[in-house]
C-alpha atoms as a PDB file:
ATOM      1  CA  UNK A   1     -13.833  -7.463 -39.842  1.00  0.00           C
ATOM      2  CA  UNK A   2     -11.010  -5.085 -40.734  1.00  0.00           C
ATOM      3  CA  UNK A   3      -8.248  -3.935 -38.416  1.00  0.00           C
ATOM      4  CA  UNK A   4      -5.707  -1.132 -38.381  1.00  0.00           C
ATOM      5  CA  UNK A   5      -2.882  -1.370 -35.854  1.00  0.00           C
ATOM      6  CA  UNK A   6      -0.264   1.269 -35.149  1.00  0.00           C
ATOM      7  CA  UNK A   7       2.093   2.007 -32.303  1.00  0.00           C
ATOM      8  CA  UNK A   8      -0.500   4.151 -30.529  1.00  0.00           C
ATOM      9  CA  UNK A   9      -3.938   2.994 -31.700  1.00  0.00           C
ATOM     10  CA  UNK A  10      -5.907  -0.116 -32.649  1.00  0.00           C
ATOM     11  CA  UNK A  11      -8.913   0.451 -34.868  1.00  0.00           C
ATOM     12  CA  UNK A  12     -11.358  -2.334 -35.698  1.00  0.00           C
ATOM     13  CA  UNK A  13     -14.285  -2.117 -38.142  1.00  0.00           C
ATOM     14  CA  UNK A  14     -16.737  -4.950 -37.507  1.00  0.00           C
ATOM     15  CA  UNK A  15     -18.885  -6.708 -40.101  1.00  0.00           C
ATOM     16  CA  UNK A  16     -21.959  -4.642 -39.171  1.00  0.00           C
ATOM     17  CA  UNK A  17     -20.054  -1.454 -40.037  1.00  0.00           C
ATOM     18  CA  UNK A  18     -19.442  -0.228 -36.488  1.00  0.00           C
ATOM     19  CA  UNK A  19     -15.932   0.925 -35.626  1.00  0.00           C
ATOM     20  CA  UNK A  20     -14.171   0.783 -32.277  1.00  0.00           C
ATOM     21  CA  UNK A  21     -10.753   2.159 -31.428  1.00  0.00           C
ATOM     22  CA  UNK A  22      -8.498   2.050 -28.415  1.00  0.00           C
ATOM     23  CA  UNK A  23      -5.466   4.229 -27.803  1.00  0.00           C
ATOM     24  CA  UNK A  24      -2.274   3.253 -26.089  1.00  0.00           C
ATOM     25  CA  UNK A  25      -2.092   5.086 -22.754  1.00  0.00           C
ATOM     26  CA  UNK A  26       0.369   4.913 -19.895  1.00  0.00           C
ATOM     27  CA  UNK A  27      -0.916   2.688 -17.087  1.00  0.00           C
ATOM     28  CA  UNK A  28      -3.632   1.043 -19.221  1.00  0.00           C
ATOM     29  CA  UNK A  29      -3.581  -2.638 -20.173  1.00  0.00           C
ATOM     30  CA  UNK A  30      -6.517  -2.591 -22.594  1.00  0.00           C
ATOM     31  CA  UNK A  31      -4.384  -1.719 -25.628  1.00  0.00           C
ATOM     32  CA  UNK A  32      -2.163  -4.756 -24.973  1.00  0.00           C
ATOM     33  CA  UNK A  33      -5.203  -6.942 -24.264  1.00  0.00           C
ATOM     34  CA  UNK A  34      -6.730  -5.930 -27.596  1.00  0.00           C
ATOM     35  CA  UNK A  35      -3.425  -6.584 -29.362  1.00  0.00           C
ATOM     36  CA  UNK A  36      -3.159 -10.047 -27.773  1.00  0.00           C
ATOM     37  CA  UNK A  37      -6.765 -10.821 -28.728  1.00  0.00           C
ATOM     38  CA  UNK A  38      -6.075  -9.945 -32.364  1.00  0.00           C
ATOM     39  CA  UNK A  39      -2.931 -12.088 -32.420  1.00  0.00           C
ATOM     40  CA  UNK A  40      -4.882 -15.152 -31.257  1.00  0.00           C
ATOM     41  CA  UNK A  41      -7.775 -14.468 -33.672  1.00  0.00           C
ATOM     42  CA  UNK A  42     -10.238 -13.870 -30.842  1.00  0.00           C
ATOM     43  CA  UNK A  43     -13.943 -13.804 -31.568  1.00  0.00           C
ATOM     44  CA  UNK A  44     -15.725 -10.603 -32.497  1.00  0.00           C
ATOM     45  CA  UNK A  45     -17.589 -10.780 -29.179  1.00  0.00           C
ATOM     46  CA  UNK A  46     -14.342 -10.806 -27.171  1.00  0.00           C
ATOM     47  CA  UNK A  47     -12.841  -7.987 -29.225  1.00  0.00           C
ATOM     48  CA  UNK A  48     -15.948  -5.867 -28.764  1.00  0.00           C
ATOM     49  CA  UNK A  49     -15.792  -6.485 -25.021  1.00  0.00           C
ATOM     50  CA  UNK A  50     -12.235  -5.169 -24.869  1.00  0.00           C
ATOM     51  CA  UNK A  51     -12.644  -2.237 -27.257  1.00  0.00           C
ATOM     52  CA  UNK A  52     -16.014  -0.988 -25.980  1.00  0.00           C
ATOM     53  CA  UNK A  53     -15.501   0.853 -22.679  1.00  0.00           C
ATOM     54  CA  UNK A  54     -18.995   0.079 -21.393  1.00  0.00           C
ATOM     55  CA  UNK A  55     -18.802  -3.625 -22.264  1.00  0.00           C
ATOM     56  CA  UNK A  56     -15.264  -3.879 -20.920  1.00  0.00           C
ATOM     57  CA  UNK A  57     -16.298  -3.620 -17.270  1.00  0.00           C
ATOM     58  CA  UNK A  58     -18.437  -6.754 -17.607  1.00  0.00           C
ATOM     59  CA  UNK A  59     -15.648  -8.526 -19.501  1.00  0.00           C
ATOM     60  CA  UNK A  60     -13.057  -7.490 -16.883  1.00  0.00           C
ATOM     61  CA  UNK A  61     -15.182  -8.596 -13.939  1.00  0.00           C
ATOM     62  CA  UNK A  62     -16.466 -11.816 -15.530  1.00  0.00           C
ATOM     63  CA  UNK A  63     -19.965 -10.437 -15.904  1.00  0.00           C
ATOM     64  CA  UNK A  64     -20.345  -9.059 -12.379  1.00  0.00           C
ATOM     65  CA  UNK A  65     -20.566  -5.352 -13.319  1.00  0.00           C
ATOM     66  CA  UNK A  66     -21.963  -3.468 -16.261  1.00  0.00           C
ATOM     67  CA  UNK A  67     -21.961   0.157 -17.359  1.00  0.00           C
ATOM     68  CA  UNK A  68     -25.091   1.688 -18.881  1.00  0.00           C
ATOM     69  CA  UNK A  69     -25.112   5.399 -19.779  1.00  0.00           C
ATOM     70  CA  UNK A  70     -22.060   5.942 -17.610  1.00  0.00           C
ATOM     71  CA  UNK A  71     -23.649   4.331 -14.548  1.00  0.00           C
ATOM     72  CA  UNK A  72     -22.079   1.243 -12.953  1.00  0.00           C
ATOM     73  CA  UNK A  73     -24.333  -1.552 -11.703  1.00  0.00           C
ATOM     74  CA  UNK A  74     -23.196  -4.486  -9.575  1.00  0.00           C
ATOM     75  CA  UNK A  75     -25.179  -7.353 -11.081  1.00  0.00           C
ATOM     76  CA  UNK A  76     -24.871  -9.507  -7.929  1.00  0.00           C
ATOM     77  CA  UNK A  77     -26.593  -6.733  -5.947  1.00  0.00           C
ATOM     78  CA  UNK A  78     -28.383  -4.454  -8.435  1.00  0.00           C
ATOM     79  CA  UNK A  79     -30.266  -2.771  -5.581  1.00  0.00           C
ATOM     80  CA  UNK A  80     -26.995  -1.368  -4.184  1.00  0.00           C
ATOM     81  CA  UNK A  81     -26.253   2.150  -5.394  1.00  0.00           C
ATOM     82  CA  UNK A  82     -22.495   2.210  -5.852  1.00  0.00           C
ATOM     83  CA  UNK A  83     -21.135   5.585  -4.624  1.00  0.00           C
ATOM     84  CA  UNK A  84     -19.783   7.755  -7.413  1.00  0.00           C
ATOM     85  CA  UNK A  85     -16.242   7.754  -6.011  1.00  0.00           C
ATOM     86  CA  UNK A  86     -16.306   3.957  -6.026  1.00  0.00           C
ATOM     87  CA  UNK A  87     -17.688   3.908  -9.584  1.00  0.00           C
ATOM     88  CA  UNK A  88     -14.794   6.123 -10.673  1.00  0.00           C
ATOM     89  CA  UNK A  89     -12.314   3.731  -9.081  1.00  0.00           C
ATOM     90  CA  UNK A  90     -14.059   0.770 -10.694  1.00  0.00           C
ATOM     91  CA  UNK A  91     -13.418   2.279 -14.130  1.00  0.00           C
ATOM     92  CA  UNK A  92      -9.847   3.194 -13.246  1.00  0.00           C
ATOM     93  CA  UNK A  93      -8.900  -0.219 -11.880  1.00  0.00           C
ATOM     94  CA  UNK A  94     -10.517  -1.986 -14.789  1.00  0.00           C
ATOM     95  CA  UNK A  95      -8.563   0.109 -17.316  1.00  0.00           C
ATOM     96  CA  UNK A  96      -5.318  -0.558 -15.419  1.00  0.00           C
ATOM     97  CA  UNK A  97      -5.967  -4.275 -15.211  1.00  0.00           C
ATOM     98  CA  UNK A  98      -6.066  -4.606 -11.420  1.00  0.00           C
ATOM     99  CA  UNK A  99      -7.718  -7.901 -10.363  1.00  0.00           C
ATOM    100  CA  UNK A 100     -11.495  -7.632 -10.225  1.00  0.00           C
ATOM    101  CA  UNK A 101     -11.613 -10.079  -7.288  1.00  0.00           C
ATOM    102  CA  UNK A 102     -10.171  -7.523  -4.858  1.00  0.00           C
ATOM    103  CA  UNK A 103     -12.815  -4.968  -5.801  1.00  0.00           C
ATOM    104  CA  UNK A 104     -15.649  -7.489  -5.598  1.00  0.00           C
ATOM    105  CA  UNK A 105     -14.498  -8.958  -2.285  1.00  0.00           C
ATOM    106  CA  UNK A 106     -14.240  -5.496  -0.753  1.00  0.00           C
ATOM    107  CA  UNK A 107     -17.822  -4.698  -1.789  1.00  0.00           C
ATOM    108  CA  UNK A 108     -19.089  -8.052  -0.536  1.00  0.00           C
ATOM    109  CA  UNK A 109     -17.472  -7.518   2.867  1.00  0.00           C
ATOM    110  CA  UNK A 110     -18.653  -3.919   3.031  1.00  0.00           C
ATOM    111  CA  UNK A 111     -22.280  -4.911   2.404  1.00  0.00           C
ATOM    112  CA  UNK A 112     -22.106  -7.314   5.350  1.00  0.00           C
ATOM    113  CA  UNK A 113     -21.715  -4.269   7.606  1.00  0.00           C
ATOM    114  CA  UNK A 114     -24.993  -3.742   9.523  1.00  0.00           C
ATOM    115  CA  UNK A 115     -24.589   0.057   9.546  1.00  0.00           C
ATOM    116  CA  UNK A 116     -25.872   1.926   6.513  1.00  0.00           C
ATOM    117  CA  UNK A 117     -23.793   4.937   7.529  1.00  0.00           C
ATOM    118  CA  UNK A 118     -20.633   2.824   7.594  1.00  0.00           C
ATOM    119  CA  UNK A 119     -21.391   1.370   4.159  1.00  0.00           C
ATOM    120  CA  UNK A 120     -21.927   4.846   2.726  1.00  0.00           C
ATOM    121  CA  UNK A 121     -18.895   6.548   4.294  1.00  0.00           C
ATOM    122  CA  UNK A 122     -16.099   3.983   4.625  1.00  0.00           C
ATOM    123  CA  UNK A 123     -14.785   4.040   1.073  1.00  0.00           C
ATOM    124  CA  UNK A 124     -14.583   7.842   1.057  1.00  0.00           C
ATOM    125  CA  UNK A 125     -12.382   7.634   4.145  1.00  0.00           C
ATOM    126  CA  UNK A 126     -10.158   4.974   2.551  1.00  0.00           C
ATOM    127  CA  UNK A 127      -9.626   7.132  -0.503  1.00  0.00           C
ATOM    128  CA  UNK A 128      -9.093  10.302   1.516  1.00  0.00           C
ATOM    129  CA  UNK A 129      -6.396   8.654   3.628  1.00  0.00           C
ATOM    130  CA  UNK A 130      -4.770   6.740   0.751  1.00  0.00           C
ATOM    131  CA  UNK A 131      -5.182   3.331   2.411  1.00  0.00           C
ATOM    132  CA  UNK A 132      -4.694  -0.040   0.737  1.00  0.00           C
ATOM    133  CA  UNK A 133      -7.301  -2.724   0.009  1.00  0.00           C
ATOM    134  CA  UNK A 134      -5.675  -6.144  -0.256  1.00  0.00           C
ATOM    135  CA  UNK A 135      -6.501  -9.050  -2.549  1.00  0.00           C
ATOM    136  CA  UNK A 136      -9.044 -10.447  -0.049  1.00  0.00           C
ATOM    137  CA  UNK A 137     -10.963  -7.166   0.241  1.00  0.00           C
ATOM    138  CA  UNK A 138      -9.574  -6.210   3.678  1.00  0.00           C
ATOM    139  CA  UNK A 139      -8.414  -2.674   4.422  1.00  0.00           C
ATOM    140  CA  UNK A 140      -4.815  -2.117   5.536  1.00  0.00           C
ATOM    141  CA  UNK A 141      -4.210   0.900   7.762  1.00  0.00           C
ATOM    142  CA  UNK A 142      -1.980   2.325  10.466  1.00  0.00           C
ATOM    143  CA  UNK A 143      -2.135   2.395  14.254  1.00  0.00           C
ATOM    144  CA  UNK A 144       0.133   4.296  16.652  1.00  0.00           C
ATOM    145  CA  UNK A 145       1.089   2.347  19.794  1.00  0.00           C
ATOM    146  CA  UNK A 146       3.238   2.640  22.909  1.00  0.00           C
ATOM    147  CA  UNK A 147       6.846   1.496  23.224  1.00  0.00           C
ATOM    148  CA  UNK A 148       5.621  -1.886  24.532  1.00  0.00           C
ATOM    149  CA  UNK A 149       3.155  -2.198  21.587  1.00  0.00           C
ATOM    150  CA  UNK A 150       0.078  -1.663  23.781  1.00  0.00           C
ATOM    151  CA  UNK A 151      -2.625   0.792  22.761  1.00  0.00           C
ATOM    152  CA  UNK A 152      -2.073   4.465  23.573  1.00  0.00           C
ATOM    153  CA  UNK A 153      -5.380   4.969  25.410  1.00  0.00           C
ATOM    154  CA  UNK A 154      -5.581   2.151  27.955  1.00  0.00           C
ATOM    155  CA  UNK A 155      -2.336   0.219  27.655  1.00  0.00           C
ATOM    156  CA  UNK A 156      -4.354  -3.018  27.890  1.00  0.00           C
ATOM    157  CA  UNK A 157      -4.289  -4.274  24.311  1.00  0.00           C
ATOM    158  CA  UNK A 158      -0.967  -5.680  23.053  1.00  0.00           C
ATOM    159  CA  UNK A 159      -0.474  -5.085  19.335  1.00  0.00           C
ATOM    160  CA  UNK A 160       2.026  -7.823  18.608  1.00  0.00           C
ATOM    161  CA  UNK A 161       2.337  -8.914  14.951  1.00  0.00           C
ATOM    162  CA  UNK A 162      -0.298 -11.570  14.301  1.00  0.00           C
ATOM    163  CA  UNK A 163      -2.495 -10.542  17.247  1.00  0.00           C
ATOM    164  CA  UNK A 164      -6.276 -10.482  16.709  1.00  0.00           C
ATOM    165  CA  UNK A 165      -8.002  -7.897  18.914  1.00  0.00           C
ATOM    166  CA  UNK A 166     -11.762  -7.785  19.333  1.00  0.00           C
ATOM    167  CA  UNK A 167     -14.568  -6.284  21.415  1.00  0.00           C
ATOM    168  CA  UNK A 168     -18.382  -6.516  21.098  1.00  0.00           C
ATOM    169  CA  UNK A 169     -19.606  -4.233  18.345  1.00  0.00           C
ATOM    170  CA  UNK A 170     -22.166  -2.588  20.610  1.00  0.00           C
ATOM    171  CA  UNK A 171     -19.356  -1.516  22.949  1.00  0.00           C
ATOM    172  CA  UNK A 172     -17.967   0.781  20.236  1.00  0.00           C
ATOM    173  CA  UNK A 173     -19.314   4.333  20.044  1.00  0.00           C
ATOM    174  CA  UNK A 174     -21.101   4.741  16.697  1.00  0.00           C
ATOM    175  CA  UNK A 175     -21.753   8.485  17.093  1.00  0.00           C
ATOM    176  CA  UNK A 176     -19.900  10.247  14.238  1.00  0.00           C
ATOM    177  CA  UNK A 177     -20.027  13.516  16.181  1.00  0.00           C
ATOM    178  CA  UNK A 178     -17.500  12.042  18.637  1.00  0.00           C
ATOM    179  CA  UNK A 179     -14.040  11.965  17.041  1.00  0.00           C
ATOM    180  CA  UNK A 180     -12.491  10.286  20.109  1.00  0.00           C
ATOM    181  CA  UNK A 181     -14.491   7.693  22.009  1.00  0.00           C
ATOM    182  CA  UNK A 182     -14.870   3.989  22.851  1.00  0.00           C
ATOM    183  CA  UNK A 183     -13.539   1.453  20.358  1.00  0.00           C
ATOM    184  CA  UNK A 184     -10.426   0.427  18.469  1.00  0.00           C
ATOM    185  CA  UNK A 185      -9.007   3.208  16.311  1.00  0.00           C
ATOM    186  CA  UNK A 186      -6.944   2.971  13.154  1.00  0.00           C
ATOM    187  CA  UNK A 187      -6.444   5.280  10.244  1.00  0.00           C
ATOM    188  CA  UNK A 188      -4.084   7.081   7.938  1.00  0.00           C
ATOM    189  CA  UNK A 189      -0.354   7.532   8.193  1.00  0.00           C
ATOM    190  CA  UNK A 190      -0.533  11.196   9.204  1.00  0.00           C
ATOM    191  CA  UNK A 191      -2.672  10.264  12.211  1.00  0.00           C
ATOM    192  CA  UNK A 192      -0.801   7.175  13.320  1.00  0.00           C
ATOM    193  CA  UNK A 193       2.850   8.129  12.919  1.00  0.00           C
ATOM    194  CA  UNK A 194       2.503  11.101  15.275  1.00  0.00           C
ATOM    195  CA  UNK A 195       0.077   9.476  17.716  1.00  0.00           C
ATOM    196  CA  UNK A 196       2.502   6.991  19.275  1.00  0.00           C
ATOM    197  CA  UNK A 197       6.248   6.302  19.417  1.00  0.00           C
ATOM    198  CA  UNK A 198       5.799   3.047  17.464  1.00  0.00           C
ATOM    199  CA  UNK A 199       3.467   2.122  14.622  1.00  0.00           C
ATOM    200  CA  UNK A 200       1.881  -1.069  13.292  1.00  0.00           C
ATOM    201  CA  UNK A 201      -0.021  -2.026  10.168  1.00  0.00           C
ATOM    202  CA  UNK A 202      -3.478  -3.451  10.881  1.00  0.00           C
ATOM    203  CA  UNK A 203      -5.856  -5.452   8.670  1.00  0.00           C
ATOM    204  CA  UNK A 204      -9.548  -4.662   9.020  1.00  0.00           C
ATOM    205  CA  UNK A 205     -12.618  -6.368   7.583  1.00  0.00           C
ATOM    206  CA  UNK A 206     -14.946  -3.669   6.131  1.00  0.00           C
ATOM    207  CA  UNK A 207     -17.888  -5.302   7.926  1.00  0.00           C
ATOM    208  CA  UNK A 208     -16.236  -4.488  11.277  1.00  0.00           C
ATOM    209  CA  UNK A 209     -16.180  -0.720  10.758  1.00  0.00           C
ATOM    210  CA  UNK A 210     -18.422   0.959  13.318  1.00  0.00           C
ATOM    211  CA  UNK A 211     -17.948   4.683  12.827  1.00  0.00           C
ATOM    212  CA  UNK A 212     -16.350   7.212  10.495  1.00  0.00           C
ATOM    213  CA  UNK A 213     -16.316  10.443  12.530  1.00  0.00           C
ATOM    214  CA  UNK A 214     -17.523  13.523  10.686  1.00  0.00           C
ATOM    215  CA  UNK A 215     -14.208  15.158  11.488  1.00  0.00           C
ATOM    216  CA  UNK A 216     -12.212  12.874   9.202  1.00  0.00           C
ATOM    217  CA  UNK A 217      -9.338  15.363   9.191  1.00  0.00           C
ATOM    218  CA  UNK A 218      -8.216  13.572  12.330  1.00  0.00           C
ATOM    219  CA  UNK A 219      -7.556  10.628  10.041  1.00  0.00           C
ATOM    220  CA  UNK A 220      -9.055   7.788  12.077  1.00  0.00           C
ATOM    221  CA  UNK A 221     -12.110   5.526  12.354  1.00  0.00           C
ATOM    222  CA  UNK A 222     -13.487   3.159  14.998  1.00  0.00           C
ATOM    223  CA  UNK A 223     -13.768  -0.592  14.493  1.00  0.00           C
ATOM    224  CA  UNK A 224     -14.720  -3.544  16.690  1.00  0.00           C
ATOM    225  CA  UNK A 225     -11.891  -5.872  15.689  1.00  0.00           C
ATOM    226  CA  UNK A 226      -8.718  -6.088  13.632  1.00  0.00           C
ATOM    227  CA  UNK A 227      -5.542  -8.113  13.073  1.00  0.00           C
ATOM    228  CA  UNK A 228      -2.036  -6.724  13.512  1.00  0.00           C
ATOM    229  CA  UNK A 229       0.017  -7.357  10.360  1.00  0.00           C
ATOM    230  CA  UNK A 230       3.451  -6.148  11.462  1.00  0.00           C
ATOM    231  CA  UNK A 231       5.310  -3.226  12.953  1.00  0.00           C
ATOM    232  CA  UNK A 232       6.707  -0.619  10.575  1.00  0.00           C
ATOM    233  CA  UNK A 233       9.097   2.297  11.158  1.00  0.00           C
ATOM    234  CA  UNK A 234       7.260   5.587  11.602  1.00  0.00           C
ATOM    235  CA  UNK A 235       8.595   6.877   8.283  1.00  0.00           C
ATOM    236  CA  UNK A 236       6.992   4.035   6.322  1.00  0.00           C
ATOM    237  CA  UNK A 237       4.039   4.957   4.147  1.00  0.00           C
ATOM    238  CA  UNK A 238       2.036   2.650   1.878  1.00  0.00           C
ATOM    239  CA  UNK A 239       1.160   3.263  -1.711  1.00  0.00           C
ATOM    240  CA  UNK A 240      -2.575   3.668  -1.893  1.00  0.00           C
ATOM    241  CA  UNK A 241      -5.474   1.502  -3.024  1.00  0.00           C
ATOM    242  CA  UNK A 242      -5.694  -2.046  -4.321  1.00  0.00           C
ATOM    243  CA  UNK A 243      -2.694  -4.355  -4.070  1.00  0.00           C
ATOM    244  CA  UNK A 244      -1.799  -7.927  -3.270  1.00  0.00           C
ATOM    245  CA  UNK A 245       0.005  -6.786  -0.141  1.00  0.00           C
ATOM    246  CA  UNK A 246       0.967  -3.438   1.380  1.00  0.00           C
ATOM    247  CA  UNK A 247       3.718  -1.659  -0.504  1.00  0.00           C
ATOM    248  CA  UNK A 248       5.909   0.607   1.582  1.00  0.00           C
ATOM    249  CA  UNK A 249       8.038   3.556   0.581  1.00  0.00           C
ATOM    250  CA  UNK A 250      10.243   6.281   2.022  1.00  0.00           C
ATOM    251  CA  UNK A 251      12.451   3.937   4.066  1.00  0.00           C
ATOM    252  CA  UNK A 252      14.915   1.174   3.377  1.00  0.00           C
ATOM    253  CA  UNK A 253      12.330  -1.490   4.127  1.00  0.00           C
ATOM    254  CA  UNK A 254      14.752  -4.349   3.598  1.00  0.00           C
ATOM    255  CA  UNK A 255      17.353  -2.832   5.924  1.00  0.00           C
ATOM    256  CA  UNK A 256      18.090  -4.957   8.943  1.00  0.00           C
ATOM    257  CA  UNK A 257      18.558  -2.096  11.368  1.00  0.00           C
ATOM    258  CA  UNK A 258      16.535   0.971  10.310  1.00  0.00           C
ATOM    259  CA  UNK A 259      16.762   3.989  12.615  1.00  0.00           C
ATOM    260  CA  UNK A 260      18.765   2.181  15.282  1.00  0.00           C
ATOM    261  CA  UNK A 261      16.308  -0.718  15.513  1.00  0.00           C
ATOM    262  CA  UNK A 262      16.616  -4.424  14.860  1.00  0.00           C
ATOM    263  CA  UNK A 263      13.928  -6.449  13.072  1.00  0.00           C
ATOM    264  CA  UNK A 264      12.892  -9.762  14.646  1.00  0.00           C
ATOM    265  CA  UNK A 265      13.160 -12.528  12.065  1.00  0.00           C
ATOM    266  CA  UNK A 266      10.403 -14.530  13.792  1.00  0.00           C
ATOM    267  CA  UNK A 267       7.539 -12.010  13.908  1.00  0.00           C
ATOM    268  CA  UNK A 268       8.773  -8.861  12.146  1.00  0.00           C
ATOM    269  CA  UNK A 269       8.586  -6.581  15.204  1.00  0.00           C
ATOM    270  CA  UNK A 270      11.081  -3.706  15.256  1.00  0.00           C
ATOM    271  CA  UNK A 271      12.915  -3.470  18.585  1.00  0.00           C
ATOM    272  CA  UNK A 272      15.633  -1.223  19.934  1.00  0.00           C
ATOM    273  CA  UNK A 273      19.100  -2.288  18.813  1.00  0.00           C
ATOM    274  CA  UNK A 274      20.102  -2.686  22.470  1.00  0.00           C
ATOM    275  CA  UNK A 275      17.322  -5.228  23.156  1.00  0.00           C
ATOM    276  CA  UNK A 276      18.422  -8.859  23.541  1.00  0.00           C
ATOM    277  CA  UNK A 277      14.928 -10.314  23.090  1.00  0.00           C
ATOM    278  CA  UNK A 278      12.005  -9.361  20.831  1.00  0.00           C
ATOM    279  CA  UNK A 279       9.329  -7.181  22.423  1.00  0.00           C
ATOM    280  CA  UNK A 280       6.704  -8.875  20.267  1.00  0.00           C
ATOM    281  CA  UNK A 281       7.349 -12.615  20.575  1.00  0.00           C
ATOM    282  CA  UNK A 282      10.273 -12.943  23.002  1.00  0.00           C
ATOM    283  CA  UNK A 283      12.664 -14.499  20.491  1.00  0.00           C
ATOM    284  CA  UNK A 284      16.385 -13.829  20.844  1.00  0.00           C
ATOM    285  CA  UNK A 285      17.478 -10.987  18.590  1.00  0.00           C
ATOM    286  CA  UNK A 286      20.619 -10.927  16.414  1.00  0.00           C
ATOM    287  CA  UNK A 287      23.356  -8.500  17.339  1.00  0.00           C
ATOM    288  CA  UNK A 288      23.384  -5.296  15.268  1.00  0.00           C
ATOM    289  CA  UNK A 289      25.839  -5.349  12.424  1.00  0.00           C
ATOM    290  CA  UNK A 290      28.449  -2.634  12.397  1.00  0.00           C
ATOM    291  CA  UNK A 291      28.285  -0.444   9.318  1.00  0.00           C
ATOM    292  CA  UNK A 292      31.483   0.102   7.402  1.00  0.00           C
ATOM    293  CA  UNK A 293      32.568   3.696   7.051  1.00  0.00           C
ATOM    294  CA  UNK A 294      33.689   4.154   3.486  1.00  0.00           C
ATOM    295  CA  UNK A 295      35.241   7.512   4.356  1.00  0.00           C
ATOM    296  CA  UNK A 296      37.744   5.806   6.649  1.00  0.00           C
ATOM    297  CA  UNK A 297      39.237   3.590   3.956  1.00  0.00           C
ATOM    298  CA  UNK A 298      43.031   3.825   4.230  1.00  0.00           C
ATOM    299  CA  UNK A 299      44.964   4.962   1.193  1.00  0.00           C
ATOM    300  CA  UNK A 300      48.241   3.113   0.638  1.00  0.00           C
ATOM    301  CA  UNK A 301      49.236   4.878  -2.560  1.00  0.00           C
ATOM    302  CA  UNK A 302      48.321   7.918  -4.617  1.00  0.00           C
ATOM    303  CA  UNK A 303      45.339   7.142  -6.899  1.00  0.00           C
ATOM    304  CA  UNK A 304      46.819   9.381  -9.603  1.00  0.00           C
ATOM    305  CA  UNK A 305      50.468   8.333  -9.878  1.00  0.00           C
ATOM    306  CA  UNK A 306      50.841   5.287  -7.607  1.00  0.00           C
ATOM    307  CA  UNK A 307      53.308   6.999  -5.280  1.00  0.00           C
ATOM    308  CA  UNK A 308      53.473   5.013  -2.018  1.00  0.00           C
ATOM    309  CA  UNK A 309      55.241   7.771  -0.082  1.00  0.00           C
ATOM    310  CA  UNK A 310      52.077   9.642   0.937  1.00  0.00           C
ATOM    311  CA  UNK A 311      52.250   9.462   4.760  1.00  0.00           C
ATOM    312  CA  UNK A 312      53.700  12.180   6.971  1.00  0.00           C
ATOM    313  CA  UNK A 313      56.138  11.494   9.797  1.00  0.00           C
ATOM    314  CA  UNK A 314      53.249  11.071  12.263  1.00  0.00           C
ATOM    315  CA  UNK A 315      51.670   8.422   9.954  1.00  0.00           C
ATOM    316  CA  UNK A 316      48.819  10.770   8.957  1.00  0.00           C
ATOM    317  CA  UNK A 317      47.788  11.035   5.331  1.00  0.00           C
ATOM    318  CA  UNK A 318      49.247  13.980   3.483  1.00  0.00           C
ATOM    319  CA  UNK A 319      46.834  16.521   1.978  1.00  0.00           C
ATOM    320  CA  UNK A 320      48.589  16.412  -1.419  1.00  0.00           C
ATOM    321  CA  UNK A 321      50.756  13.761  -3.071  1.00  0.00           C
ATOM    322  CA  UNK A 322      54.441  14.835  -2.756  1.00  0.00           C
ATOM    323  CA  UNK A 323      55.153  13.466  -6.253  1.00  0.00           C
ATOM    324  CA  UNK A 324      52.306  14.680  -8.477  1.00  0.00           C
ATOM    325  CA  UNK A 325      50.354  17.098  -6.273  1.00  0.00           C
ATOM    326  CA  UNK A 326      47.068  15.099  -6.408  1.00  0.00           C
ATOM    327  CA  UNK A 327      44.702  16.078  -3.568  1.00  0.00           C
ATOM    328  CA  UNK A 328      44.428  13.095  -1.197  1.00  0.00           C
ATOM    329  CA  UNK A 329      42.004  14.415   1.435  1.00  0.00           C
ATOM    330  CA  UNK A 330      38.849  16.516   1.479  1.00  0.00           C
ATOM    331  CA  UNK A 331      40.095  18.676   4.364  1.00  0.00           C
END
């Protein structure tokens, strides 16, 4: 076996004369995996598994998937025809080194769904809306709620962080021609953030999906049960697809008082800054911290020359330093 390694490519010629190469690409871990395998004198079988794109899927997923002529097969359920969009993601996540367990667990949960239509359509909706699938194979999405965290339609279901809400599956309308009907709704950020004054993240088992309406532009689906993860400000939007936990962007997520609200340290619910007790769990809330205004910092001397005589007779700051002419204010 002969190897050639450069900054951008690894080329290996095996003893049978076949040659495999892998190029260094942004976002791909296979180049580094091949480099690490060579450093530890890995077997030819392991090197082939990393360098050969079709063998790599089986290597990545511990033998649970294989690629033959560009077609992905799930060896645990070879009878299941993996949708093309899901096959594309399988290849992408494998090349980027995302954990195979999340992908497998999602498929296992999805195939427990008794509705063939749900199995066939759910992943397309997830991808369209840019939702996250967590490490356990659950889908994380958004739900708009009222000011008191109850659902917008009936006001009966309280969406407090940690709450598990459920109804019999056969009570949920499974007609995809009906975009709005009986059942629990959740969906994408565009749908949820404008649907209610407050918004929560929900965690849904793929087997509990009942209906993906044909009009998916409305950005929502119907399910029979879900768990509330936490409340998020309406500006918060997750990064899409597989992750260990939802990642949020576009807001200062660690801020204690975003948009005039205070975050409960017990359950994570965002409440109005004027509230004394949490709307989610009833715990006493901390008092809002006053933000310091950097613009109001008092000058005691000129930053340019150190002149301390920079106040007028009425104790207001002069526009220019009397000694050197340095501009002291923005007015």
